[in-house]
Amino acid sequence: MKNRPISRIGVLSAALTFSLSLALNVQGEALSAKVGSLKGGAFYDNGSGAVALASGAELTAGSVITTSPDSEIVLDLGASGALRVLGGSTLVIDRLNVESTGAGAVVDTQIDLRNGSIAGSVPKFASALSKYEVKVPSGVVSIDARDQASSFFITAPEDINVVQGSSVFVYNRDGVVRSVRIAGGNQFNASNNTAVPIPPTVQIPTLPAATPAPTMVQVQPTTTPFNFFISPTKGE
């Protein structure tokens, strides 16, 4: 009985497939927002009724947060930075996820600001695939922290101030979807749909301190070497 030779191409293909399967093996994790400081009365509702907030409480995605007119809270969003929620505000944490990959930590954060004001600090993204969005009644503000840390002060429905970094505001105006890039030190001007310098009359609240995003060590996938015996073909 003759030994049939094993194709070298087949061996290389199997090894490549095995390597790719390890490289693509990533893990996603849902984070929680932790109440770092609290002044006055604030509440959250995760579907079971309103509950008074306390310092140290952890809120998961889907939680509706409401602050009374004289209150203020600071939320620690982990790798997504920190968020100050001013009095008389209502917001929902739509998404708060992080995914560890070989290219760095990919964060996916979305805040739905239904009314009131928030001020946020976002560390520089560890991965260009990260997203940080703030929904307002008229559109979505995408915070761009790919090149540097960013910070913002937003009041619903569309009073958008970018203190540092940049953002892109996509909004609906008279049934037409438009977009405008807002660089640091500028705000959205709703009267002519452009970005203009933040006037000195705007009082930017103290921005919360954000913990720098952790430095991700890129782990190269390793493969266990396979020893194949390739029998020679007679006559060659």
C-alpha atoms as a PDB file:
ATOM      1  CA  MET A   1       0.000   0.000   0.000  1.00  0.00           C
ATOM      2  CA  LYS A   2       1.432   3.338  -1.032  1.00  0.00           C
ATOM      3  CA  ASN A   3       1.666   6.331   1.281  1.00  0.00           C
ATOM      4  CA  ARG A   4      -0.180   9.257  -0.250  1.00  0.00           C
ATOM      5  CA  PRO A   5       1.730  12.554   0.056  1.00  0.00           C
ATOM      6  CA  ILE A   6       0.181  15.276   2.177  1.00  0.00           C
ATOM      7  CA  SER A   7      -0.320  18.543   0.320  1.00  0.00           C
ATOM      8  CA  ARG A   8       1.966  21.311   1.578  1.00  0.00           C
ATOM      9  CA  ILE A   9      -0.707  23.842   0.669  1.00  0.00           C
ATOM     10  CA  GLY A  10      -3.201  21.983   2.824  1.00  0.00           C
ATOM     11  CA  VAL A  11      -0.783  22.053   5.776  1.00  0.00           C
ATOM     12  CA  LEU A  12      -0.217  25.782   5.433  1.00  0.00           C
ATOM     13  CA  SER A  13      -3.958  26.404   5.089  1.00  0.00           C
ATOM     14  CA  ALA A  14      -4.718  24.468   8.272  1.00  0.00           C
ATOM     15  CA  ALA A  15      -2.051  26.351  10.233  1.00  0.00           C
ATOM     16  CA  LEU A  16      -3.294  29.712   8.935  1.00  0.00           C
ATOM     17  CA  THR A  17      -6.888  28.879   9.851  1.00  0.00           C
ATOM     18  CA  PHE A  18      -5.827  27.888  13.360  1.00  0.00           C
ATOM     19  CA  SER A  19      -3.871  31.152  13.813  1.00  0.00           C
ATOM     20  CA  LEU A  20      -6.773  33.276  12.616  1.00  0.00           C
ATOM     21  CA  SER A  21      -9.176  31.541  14.970  1.00  0.00           C
ATOM     22  CA  LEU A  22      -6.963  32.528  17.890  1.00  0.00           C
ATOM     23  CA  ALA A  23      -6.521  36.092  16.673  1.00  0.00           C
ATOM     24  CA  LEU A  24     -10.270  36.584  16.318  1.00  0.00           C
ATOM     25  CA  ASN A  25     -11.062  35.136  19.733  1.00  0.00           C
ATOM     26  CA  VAL A  26     -12.080  38.353  21.541  1.00  0.00           C
ATOM     27  CA  GLN A  27     -14.191  38.858  24.612  1.00  0.00           C
ATOM     28  CA  GLY A  28     -16.819  41.532  25.193  1.00  0.00           C
ATOM     29  CA  GLU A  29     -17.851  42.791  28.602  1.00  0.00           C
ATOM     30  CA  ALA A  30     -20.773  44.950  29.727  1.00  0.00           C
ATOM     31  CA  LEU A  31     -19.615  47.569  32.231  1.00  0.00           C
ATOM     32  CA  SER A  32     -21.540  49.415  34.917  1.00  0.00           C
ATOM     33  CA  ALA A  33     -21.579  53.133  35.719  1.00  0.00           C
ATOM     34  CA  LYS A  34     -20.570  53.799  39.319  1.00  0.00           C
ATOM     35  CA  VAL A  35     -21.864  56.807  41.247  1.00  0.00           C
ATOM     36  CA  GLY A  36     -18.708  58.561  42.394  1.00  0.00           C
ATOM     37  CA  SER A  37     -20.252  61.562  44.102  1.00  0.00           C
ATOM     38  CA  LEU A  38     -23.785  62.711  44.813  1.00  0.00           C
ATOM     39  CA  LYS A  39     -25.265  66.043  45.842  1.00  0.00           C
ATOM     40  CA  GLY A  40     -28.997  66.382  46.491  1.00  0.00           C
ATOM     41  CA  GLY A  41     -31.603  63.896  45.348  1.00  0.00           C
ATOM     42  CA  ALA A  42     -31.294  61.643  42.322  1.00  0.00           C
ATOM     43  CA  PHE A  43     -33.050  58.468  41.231  1.00  0.00           C
ATOM     44  CA  TYR A  44     -32.658  55.604  38.815  1.00  0.00           C
ATOM     45  CA  ASP A  45     -35.112  53.131  37.320  1.00  0.00           C
ATOM     46  CA  ASN A  46     -34.002  49.865  35.711  1.00  0.00           C
ATOM     47  CA  GLY A  47     -37.553  48.743  35.032  1.00  0.00           C
ATOM     48  CA  SER A  48     -38.575  47.940  38.595  1.00  0.00           C
ATOM     49  CA  GLY A  49     -39.543  51.449  39.714  1.00  0.00           C
ATOM     50  CA  ALA A  50     -37.625  54.546  40.815  1.00  0.00           C
ATOM     51  CA  VAL A  51     -34.969  54.029  43.498  1.00  0.00           C
ATOM     52  CA  ALA A  52     -32.989  56.743  45.288  1.00  0.00           C
ATOM     53  CA  LEU A  53     -29.349  56.846  44.247  1.00  0.00           C
ATOM     54  CA  ALA A  54     -26.520  56.560  46.745  1.00  0.00           C
ATOM     55  CA  SER A  55     -22.796  57.114  46.429  1.00  0.00           C
ATOM     56  CA  GLY A  56     -21.126  53.914  45.241  1.00  0.00           C
ATOM     57  CA  ALA A  57     -24.223  52.555  43.482  1.00  0.00           C
ATOM     58  CA  GLU A  58     -23.575  50.725  40.213  1.00  0.00           C
ATOM     59  CA  LEU A  59     -25.906  51.247  37.262  1.00  0.00           C
ATOM     60  CA  THR A  60     -26.184  48.900  34.314  1.00  0.00           C
ATOM     61  CA  ALA A  61     -27.156  49.673  30.727  1.00  0.00           C
ATOM     62  CA  GLY A  62     -30.839  50.525  30.406  1.00  0.00           C
ATOM     63  CA  SER A  63     -30.985  52.476  33.657  1.00  0.00           C
ATOM     64  CA  VAL A  64     -32.970  55.731  33.528  1.00  0.00           C
ATOM     65  CA  ILE A  65     -31.306  58.389  35.697  1.00  0.00           C
ATOM     66  CA  THR A  66     -33.149  61.479  36.944  1.00  0.00           C
ATOM     67  CA  THR A  67     -31.702  64.331  38.991  1.00  0.00           C
ATOM     68  CA  SER A  68     -33.793  66.816  40.962  1.00  0.00           C
ATOM     69  CA  PRO A  69     -33.300  70.529  40.151  1.00  0.00           C
ATOM     70  CA  ASP A  70     -30.852  71.108  43.019  1.00  0.00           C
ATOM     71  CA  SER A  71     -28.851  67.901  42.643  1.00  0.00           C
ATOM     72  CA  GLU A  72     -25.787  66.720  40.770  1.00  0.00           C
ATOM     73  CA  ILE A  73     -24.031  63.384  40.349  1.00  0.00           C
ATOM     74  CA  VAL A  74     -20.755  62.197  38.858  1.00  0.00           C
ATOM     75  CA  LEU A  75     -20.686  58.805  37.151  1.00  0.00           C
ATOM     76  CA  ASP A  76     -17.508  56.788  36.706  1.00  0.00           C
ATOM     77  CA  LEU A  77     -17.804  55.064  33.313  1.00  0.00           C
ATOM     78  CA  GLY A  78     -14.578  53.098  33.603  1.00  0.00           C
ATOM     79  CA  ALA A  79     -12.678  52.986  30.305  1.00  0.00           C
ATOM     80  CA  SER A  80     -15.213  55.481  28.846  1.00  0.00           C
ATOM     81  CA  GLY A  81     -14.290  58.252  31.290  1.00  0.00           C
ATOM     82  CA  ALA A  82     -16.561  60.184  33.637  1.00  0.00           C
ATOM     83  CA  LEU A  83     -19.862  62.026  33.340  1.00  0.00           C
ATOM     84  CA  ARG A  84     -21.256  64.879  35.438  1.00  0.00           C
ATOM     85  CA  VAL A  85     -25.071  64.986  35.421  1.00  0.00           C
ATOM     86  CA  LEU A  86     -26.442  68.378  36.378  1.00  0.00           C
ATOM     87  CA  GLY A  87     -29.723  69.100  38.142  1.00  0.00           C
ATOM     88  CA  GLY A  88     -33.033  68.698  36.347  1.00  0.00           C
ATOM     89  CA  SER A  89     -31.711  66.097  33.914  1.00  0.00           C
ATOM     90  CA  THR A  90     -32.969  62.772  32.613  1.00  0.00           C
ATOM     91  CA  LEU A  91     -30.741  60.362  30.751  1.00  0.00           C
ATOM     92  CA  VAL A  92     -30.473  56.698  29.875  1.00  0.00           C
ATOM     93  CA  ILE A  93     -27.318  54.631  29.652  1.00  0.00           C
ATOM     94  CA  ASP A  94     -28.025  52.838  26.378  1.00  0.00           C
ATOM     95  CA  ARG A  95     -24.678  51.071  25.995  1.00  0.00           C
ATOM     96  CA  LEU A  96     -21.566  50.739  28.117  1.00  0.00           C
ATOM     97  CA  ASN A  97     -19.337  47.980  26.748  1.00  0.00           C
ATOM     98  CA  VAL A  98     -15.652  47.207  26.370  1.00  0.00           C
ATOM     99  CA  GLU A  99     -14.077  44.524  24.195  1.00  0.00           C
ATOM    100  CA  SER A 100     -10.469  43.426  24.564  1.00  0.00           C
ATOM    101  CA  THR A 101      -8.747  42.746  21.261  1.00  0.00           C
ATOM    102  CA  GLY A 102      -5.215  42.356  20.023  1.00  0.00           C
ATOM    103  CA  ALA A 103      -5.426  45.955  18.749  1.00  0.00           C
ATOM    104  CA  GLY A 104      -6.459  47.430  22.119  1.00  0.00           C
ATOM    105  CA  ALA A 105      -9.602  47.945  24.188  1.00  0.00           C
ATOM    106  CA  VAL A 106     -12.642  48.835  22.062  1.00  0.00           C
ATOM    107  CA  VAL A 107     -15.219  50.825  24.037  1.00  0.00           C
ATOM    108  CA  ASP A 108     -18.821  51.309  22.907  1.00  0.00           C
ATOM    109  CA  THR A 109     -20.736  53.913  24.896  1.00  0.00           C
ATOM    110  CA  GLN A 110     -24.049  55.608  24.179  1.00  0.00           C
ATOM    111  CA  ILE A 111     -25.814  58.077  26.453  1.00  0.00           C
ATOM    112  CA  ASP A 112     -29.387  59.169  25.715  1.00  0.00           C
ATOM    113  CA  LEU A 113     -29.795  62.719  27.074  1.00  0.00           C
ATOM    114  CA  ARG A 114     -33.552  63.318  27.092  1.00  0.00           C
ATOM    115  CA  ASN A 115     -33.447  66.644  28.942  1.00  0.00           C
ATOM    116  CA  GLY A 116     -31.085  68.662  31.106  1.00  0.00           C
ATOM    117  CA  SER A 117     -27.305  68.957  30.937  1.00  0.00           C
ATOM    118  CA  ILE A 118     -24.232  66.745  31.154  1.00  0.00           C
ATOM    119  CA  ALA A 119     -20.490  67.391  31.123  1.00  0.00           C
ATOM    120  CA  GLY A 120     -18.158  64.547  30.215  1.00  0.00           C
ATOM    121  CA  SER A 121     -14.482  63.659  29.996  1.00  0.00           C
ATOM    122  CA  VAL A 122     -13.402  60.880  27.622  1.00  0.00           C
ATOM    123  CA  PRO A 123      -9.856  59.416  27.707  1.00  0.00           C
ATOM    124  CA  LYS A 124      -8.018  58.951  24.446  1.00  0.00           C
ATOM    125  CA  PHE A 125      -9.309  55.812  22.761  1.00  0.00           C
ATOM    126  CA  ALA A 126      -7.024  52.783  22.964  1.00  0.00           C
ATOM    127  CA  SER A 127      -8.511  51.647  19.643  1.00  0.00           C
ATOM    128  CA  ALA A 128      -9.741  53.644  16.658  1.00  0.00           C
ATOM    129  CA  LEU A 129     -12.759  51.304  16.562  1.00  0.00           C
ATOM    130  CA  SER A 130     -14.109  52.760  19.823  1.00  0.00           C
ATOM    131  CA  LYS A 131     -17.350  54.763  19.886  1.00  0.00           C
ATOM    132  CA  TYR A 132     -18.777  57.301  22.324  1.00  0.00           C
ATOM    133  CA  GLU A 133     -22.156  58.789  21.414  1.00  0.00           C
ATOM    134  CA  VAL A 134     -24.559  61.186  23.091  1.00  0.00           C
ATOM    135  CA  LYS A 135     -28.124  61.099  21.769  1.00  0.00           C
ATOM    136  CA  VAL A 136     -30.096  64.336  21.978  1.00  0.00           C
ATOM    137  CA  PRO A 137     -33.703  64.914  20.834  1.00  0.00           C
ATOM    138  CA  SER A 138     -32.608  66.171  17.412  1.00  0.00           C
ATOM    139  CA  GLY A 139     -29.666  63.878  16.625  1.00  0.00           C
ATOM    140  CA  VAL A 140     -26.496  62.145  17.809  1.00  0.00           C
ATOM    141  CA  VAL A 141     -23.167  63.618  18.917  1.00  0.00           C
ATOM    142  CA  SER A 142     -20.200  61.323  18.221  1.00  0.00           C
ATOM    143  CA  ILE A 143     -17.287  62.182  20.499  1.00  0.00           C
ATOM    144  CA  ASP A 144     -13.952  61.728  18.693  1.00  0.00           C
ATOM    145  CA  ALA A 145     -11.157  60.714  21.097  1.00  0.00           C
ATOM    146  CA  ARG A 146      -8.972  58.849  18.633  1.00  0.00           C
ATOM    147  CA  ASP A 147      -6.126  61.382  18.661  1.00  0.00           C
ATOM    148  CA  GLN A 148      -6.514  62.924  22.110  1.00  0.00           C
ATOM    149  CA  ALA A 149      -8.726  62.978  25.188  1.00  0.00           C
ATOM    150  CA  SER A 150     -12.015  64.843  24.675  1.00  0.00           C
ATOM    151  CA  SER A 151     -14.458  66.721  26.876  1.00  0.00           C
ATOM    152  CA  PHE A 152     -17.868  68.281  26.304  1.00  0.00           C
ATOM    153  CA  PHE A 153     -20.809  70.135  27.831  1.00  0.00           C
ATOM    154  CA  ILE A 154     -24.196  69.352  26.295  1.00  0.00           C
ATOM    155  CA  THR A 155     -27.669  70.626  27.129  1.00  0.00           C
ATOM    156  CA  ALA A 156     -30.739  69.146  25.426  1.00  0.00           C
ATOM    157  CA  PRO A 157     -32.089  69.596  22.851  1.00  0.00           C
ATOM    158  CA  GLU A 158     -28.928  70.657  20.934  1.00  0.00           C
ATOM    159  CA  ASP A 159     -26.755  73.080  22.893  1.00  0.00           C
ATOM    160  CA  ILE A 160     -23.458  71.319  22.166  1.00  0.00           C
ATOM    161  CA  ASN A 161     -20.118  72.621  23.450  1.00  0.00           C
ATOM    162  CA  VAL A 162     -16.892  70.716  22.721  1.00  0.00           C
ATOM    163  CA  VAL A 163     -14.241  71.818  25.193  1.00  0.00           C
ATOM    164  CA  GLN A 164     -11.402  69.569  24.033  1.00  0.00           C
ATOM    165  CA  GLY A 165     -10.924  67.171  21.145  1.00  0.00           C
ATOM    166  CA  SER A 166     -13.639  67.133  18.505  1.00  0.00           C
ATOM    167  CA  SER A 167     -17.041  65.670  17.693  1.00  0.00           C
ATOM    168  CA  VAL A 168     -19.459  65.174  14.814  1.00  0.00           C
ATOM    169  CA  PHE A 169     -23.105  66.148  15.259  1.00  0.00           C
ATOM    170  CA  VAL A 170     -25.552  64.344  12.945  1.00  0.00           C
ATOM    171  CA  TYR A 171     -29.020  65.848  13.158  1.00  0.00           C
ATOM    172  CA  ASN A 172     -32.361  66.171  11.401  1.00  0.00           C
ATOM    173  CA  ARG A 173     -33.378  69.603  10.180  1.00  0.00           C
ATOM    174  CA  ASP A 174     -36.702  69.924   8.364  1.00  0.00           C
ATOM    175  CA  GLY A 175     -36.578  66.296   7.283  1.00  0.00           C
ATOM    176  CA  VAL A 176     -33.009  66.578   5.966  1.00  0.00           C
ATOM    177  CA  VAL A 177     -30.149  64.760   7.703  1.00  0.00           C
ATOM    178  CA  ARG A 178     -27.117  67.014   8.113  1.00  0.00           C
ATOM    179  CA  SER A 179     -23.777  66.825   9.911  1.00  0.00           C
ATOM    180  CA  VAL A 180     -21.221  69.264  11.270  1.00  0.00           C
ATOM    181  CA  ARG A 181     -17.807  68.713  12.835  1.00  0.00           C
ATOM    182  CA  ILE A 182     -17.244  70.659  16.053  1.00  0.00           C
ATOM    183  CA  ALA A 183     -13.615  71.169  17.082  1.00  0.00           C
ATOM    184  CA  GLY A 184     -12.444  71.815  20.632  1.00  0.00           C
ATOM    185  CA  GLY A 185     -13.319  75.305  21.880  1.00  0.00           C
ATOM    186  CA  ASN A 186     -16.389  75.494  19.639  1.00  0.00           C
ATOM    187  CA  GLN A 187     -20.137  74.979  19.908  1.00  0.00           C
ATOM    188  CA  PHE A 188     -22.949  74.148  17.538  1.00  0.00           C
ATOM    189  CA  ASN A 189     -24.771  77.234  16.261  1.00  0.00           C
ATOM    190  CA  ALA A 190     -28.352  76.155  15.576  1.00  0.00           C
ATOM    191  CA  SER A 191     -29.238  79.396  13.786  1.00  0.00           C
ATOM    192  CA  ASN A 192     -26.950  78.720  10.816  1.00  0.00           C
ATOM    193  CA  ASN A 193     -26.021  75.055  11.400  1.00  0.00           C
ATOM    194  CA  THR A 194     -22.300  75.691  11.816  1.00  0.00           C
ATOM    195  CA  ALA A 195     -19.640  75.480  14.523  1.00  0.00           C
ATOM    196  CA  VAL A 196     -18.585  78.745  16.182  1.00  0.00           C
ATOM    197  CA  PRO A 197     -16.270  79.583  19.106  1.00  0.00           C
ATOM    198  CA  ILE A 198     -17.803  79.079  22.545  1.00  0.00           C
ATOM    199  CA  PRO A 199     -18.786  82.562  23.757  1.00  0.00           C
ATOM    200  CA  PRO A 200     -17.407  83.723  27.135  1.00  0.00           C
ATOM    201  CA  THR A 201     -20.972  83.932  28.470  1.00  0.00           C
ATOM    202  CA  VAL A 202     -21.220  80.111  28.484  1.00  0.00           C
ATOM    203  CA  GLN A 203     -20.382  78.786  31.929  1.00  0.00           C
ATOM    204  CA  ILE A 204     -18.721  75.415  31.462  1.00  0.00           C
ATOM    205  CA  PRO A 205     -19.200  73.333  34.638  1.00  0.00           C
ATOM    206  CA  THR A 206     -16.220  71.682  36.251  1.00  0.00           C
ATOM    207  CA  LEU A 207     -15.398  68.684  34.098  1.00  0.00           C
ATOM    208  CA  PRO A 208     -15.121  65.389  35.984  1.00  0.00           C
ATOM    209  CA  ALA A 209     -11.719  63.741  36.185  1.00  0.00           C
ATOM    210  CA  ALA A 210     -11.526  60.682  33.976  1.00  0.00           C
ATOM    211  CA  THR A 211      -9.298  57.723  34.713  1.00  0.00           C
ATOM    212  CA  PRO A 212      -6.896  57.279  31.786  1.00  0.00           C
ATOM    213  CA  ALA A 213      -7.729  54.315  29.616  1.00  0.00           C
ATOM    214  CA  PRO A 214      -5.548  51.306  30.502  1.00  0.00           C
ATOM    215  CA  THR A 215      -2.612  50.617  28.257  1.00  0.00           C
ATOM    216  CA  MET A 216      -3.344  47.408  26.410  1.00  0.00           C
ATOM    217  CA  VAL A 217      -0.492  45.005  25.841  1.00  0.00           C
ATOM    218  CA  GLN A 218      -0.903  43.547  22.398  1.00  0.00           C
ATOM    219  CA  VAL A 219      -0.730  39.799  22.781  1.00  0.00           C
ATOM    220  CA  GLN A 220       0.433  38.028  19.682  1.00  0.00           C
ATOM    221  CA  PRO A 221      -1.452  34.793  19.062  1.00  0.00           C
ATOM    222  CA  THR A 222       0.710  31.718  19.443  1.00  0.00           C
ATOM    223  CA  THR A 223       0.313  28.418  17.715  1.00  0.00           C
ATOM    224  CA  THR A 224       1.534  25.023  18.759  1.00  0.00           C
ATOM    225  CA  PRO A 225       3.869  23.729  16.053  1.00  0.00           C
ATOM    226  CA  PHE A 226       2.668  20.637  14.235  1.00  0.00           C
ATOM    227  CA  ASN A 227       5.112  18.030  13.003  1.00  0.00           C
ATOM    228  CA  PHE A 228       3.962  16.473   9.752  1.00  0.00           C
ATOM    229  CA  PHE A 229       5.627  13.513   8.090  1.00  0.00           C
ATOM    230  CA  ILE A 230       5.466  13.990   4.350  1.00  0.00           C
ATOM    231  CA  SER A 231       6.367  10.758   2.638  1.00  0.00           C
ATOM    232  CA  PRO A 232       8.397  11.002  -0.552  1.00  0.00           C
ATOM    233  CA  THR A 233       6.840   9.968  -3.807  1.00  0.00           C
ATOM    234  CA  LYS A 234       8.626   7.194  -5.664  1.00  0.00           C
ATOM    235  CA  GLY A 235      10.331   8.187  -8.831  1.00  0.00           C
ATOM    236  CA  GLU A 236      10.722  11.878  -7.813  1.00  0.00           C
END
